[in-house]
Protein backbone atom coordinates (compact mmCIF):
# COMPACT_ATOMS: atom_id res chain seq x y z
CA UNK A 1 6.99 -43.17 -74.60
CA UNK A 2 5.61 -45.65 -72.12
CA UNK A 3 3.82 -44.15 -69.13
CA UNK A 4 3.06 -45.87 -65.83
CA UNK A 5 1.15 -44.40 -62.89
CA UNK A 6 0.63 -45.56 -59.35
CA UNK A 7 -1.88 -44.55 -56.75
CA UNK A 8 -1.58 -44.69 -52.98
CA UNK A 9 -5.32 -45.02 -52.51
CA UNK A 10 -5.91 -41.74 -50.71
CA UNK A 11 -9.18 -39.94 -51.31
CA UNK A 12 -7.31 -36.92 -52.65
CA UNK A 13 -6.05 -38.67 -55.77
CA UNK A 14 -9.50 -39.42 -57.16
CA UNK A 15 -11.01 -36.16 -55.90
CA UNK A 16 -8.31 -33.95 -57.44
CA UNK A 17 -7.38 -36.23 -60.36
CA UNK A 18 -3.71 -37.05 -59.92
CA UNK A 19 -1.38 -39.98 -59.36
CA UNK A 20 1.01 -40.52 -56.46
CA UNK A 21 3.77 -41.02 -59.00
CA UNK A 22 4.22 -41.15 -62.76
CA UNK A 23 7.00 -42.90 -64.64
CA UNK A 24 7.51 -41.70 -68.21
CA UNK A 25 10.57 -43.15 -69.89
CA UNK A 26 13.47 -42.86 -67.48
CA UNK A 27 11.89 -40.18 -65.28
CA UNK A 28 9.73 -40.67 -62.22
CA UNK A 29 7.84 -37.73 -60.75
CA UNK A 30 6.41 -38.15 -57.27
CA UNK A 31 3.54 -35.82 -56.42
CA UNK A 32 3.48 -33.66 -53.31
CA UNK A 33 3.58 -36.19 -50.50
CA UNK A 34 2.66 -35.61 -46.89
CA UNK A 35 3.09 -37.47 -43.61
CA UNK A 36 0.16 -39.84 -43.72
CA UNK A 37 0.31 -43.46 -42.63
CA UNK A 38 -1.28 -46.46 -44.36
CA UNK A 39 -4.66 -45.62 -42.79
CA UNK A 40 -4.47 -42.05 -44.12
CA UNK A 41 -3.89 -40.53 -40.69
CA UNK A 42 -1.40 -37.72 -40.23
CA UNK A 43 1.82 -38.73 -38.44
CA UNK A 44 3.85 -36.35 -36.28
CA UNK A 45 1.39 -33.55 -35.59
CA UNK A 46 3.42 -30.49 -34.59
CA UNK A 47 6.72 -32.24 -35.36
CA UNK A 48 8.43 -31.15 -38.62
CA UNK A 49 11.12 -33.84 -38.34
CA UNK A 50 8.58 -36.66 -37.91
CA UNK A 51 6.40 -35.34 -40.72
CA UNK A 52 9.35 -35.01 -43.08
CA UNK A 53 10.58 -38.52 -42.27
CA UNK A 54 7.11 -39.99 -42.85
CA UNK A 55 6.62 -38.04 -46.09
CA UNK A 56 10.02 -39.25 -47.35
CA UNK A 57 9.15 -42.81 -46.39
CA UNK A 58 6.00 -42.44 -48.49
CA UNK A 59 8.07 -41.06 -51.38
CA UNK A 60 10.45 -44.00 -51.04
CA UNK A 61 7.56 -46.50 -51.22
CA UNK A 62 6.19 -44.82 -54.35
CA UNK A 63 9.63 -44.99 -55.99
CA UNK A 64 9.99 -48.66 -55.11
CA UNK A 65 6.66 -49.45 -56.75
CA UNK A 66 8.15 -48.03 -59.95
CA UNK A 67 11.43 -49.96 -59.60
CA UNK A 68 13.47 -47.04 -58.26
CA UNK A 69 15.05 -46.04 -54.95
CA UNK A 70 16.01 -42.86 -53.17
CA UNK A 71 19.45 -43.28 -54.76
CA UNK A 72 17.81 -42.45 -58.12
CA UNK A 73 16.42 -39.10 -56.92
CA UNK A 74 17.88 -36.06 -58.64
CA UNK A 75 15.52 -33.37 -57.31
CA UNK A 76 13.40 -32.75 -54.24
CA UNK A 77 11.17 -29.88 -53.27
CA UNK A 78 10.11 -29.31 -49.69
CA UNK A 79 7.12 -27.11 -49.02
CA UNK A 80 7.08 -26.11 -45.35
CA UNK A 81 4.84 -23.95 -43.23
CA UNK A 82 7.65 -22.70 -40.95
CA UNK A 83 11.05 -22.34 -42.58
CA UNK A 84 12.51 -21.42 -39.18
CA UNK A 85 12.29 -25.17 -38.45
CA UNK A 86 14.55 -25.90 -41.45
CA UNK A 87 17.09 -27.77 -39.33
CA UNK A 88 14.59 -30.43 -38.24
CA UNK A 89 13.26 -30.80 -41.77
CA UNK A 90 16.76 -30.81 -43.23
CA UNK A 91 17.91 -33.50 -40.78
CA UNK A 92 15.20 -35.89 -41.98
CA UNK A 93 16.02 -35.07 -45.62
CA UNK A 94 19.72 -35.71 -44.99
CA UNK A 95 18.96 -39.11 -43.45
CA UNK A 96 17.37 -40.19 -46.74
CA UNK A 97 19.68 -38.42 -49.17
CA UNK A 98 23.07 -37.81 -47.52
CA UNK A 99 24.99 -39.87 -50.10
CA UNK A 100 22.70 -38.94 -53.00
CA UNK A 101 22.65 -35.17 -52.56
CA UNK A 102 19.83 -34.31 -54.98
CA UNK A 103 19.19 -30.74 -56.03
CA UNK A 104 16.60 -29.40 -53.60
CA UNK A 105 14.52 -26.42 -52.59
CA UNK A 106 12.83 -25.63 -49.31
CA UNK A 107 10.03 -23.12 -49.73
CA UNK A 108 7.81 -21.67 -47.03
CA UNK A 109 4.11 -21.70 -47.84
CA UNK A 110 1.25 -20.16 -45.94
CA UNK A 111 -0.40 -23.53 -45.31
CA UNK A 112 -0.98 -27.00 -46.70
CA UNK A 113 -4.31 -28.71 -47.42
CA UNK A 114 -4.62 -29.82 -43.78
CA UNK A 115 -3.64 -27.10 -41.28
CA UNK A 116 -1.85 -29.72 -39.13
CA UNK A 117 0.44 -30.64 -42.03
CA UNK A 118 3.73 -28.77 -41.89
CA UNK A 119 5.72 -30.45 -44.69
CA UNK A 120 5.00 -31.66 -48.22
CA UNK A 121 7.68 -33.27 -50.40
CA UNK A 122 7.98 -33.71 -54.18
CA UNK A 123 10.68 -35.79 -55.84
CA UNK A 124 12.03 -36.47 -59.31
CA UNK A 125 14.10 -39.57 -60.05
CA UNK A 126 16.03 -40.67 -63.13
CA UNK A 127 16.39 -44.39 -63.75
CA UNK A 128 18.05 -46.52 -66.38
CA UNK A 129 15.71 -47.82 -69.05
CA UNK A 130 15.94 -51.40 -70.15
């Protein structure tokens, strides 16, 4: 099976030893993705909606680099530090996936790698192989 990986260039990928996304056959797995911009700075401090939207934008860019779109996503996982803010997080998720409706989970965690991060998103996509 052919395997393709992409990196976003963040320091974490080389430090921890992972890829932003991996395509193996017709599956694409996007690693836990947070709300960082192109400079690596956190977007939306204290704002779960803004962080979710930025994280999903980052997921979308990773998918596009592997010839996929959000329409190909079959599964998402949202790791959040305050599940009581589910409506703000869910609103951003819906804006990306309203017509797709992937299987999803929202799980509260004690914290993320940066205490100002409040959302981390994973995604799995299935694409047609040539």
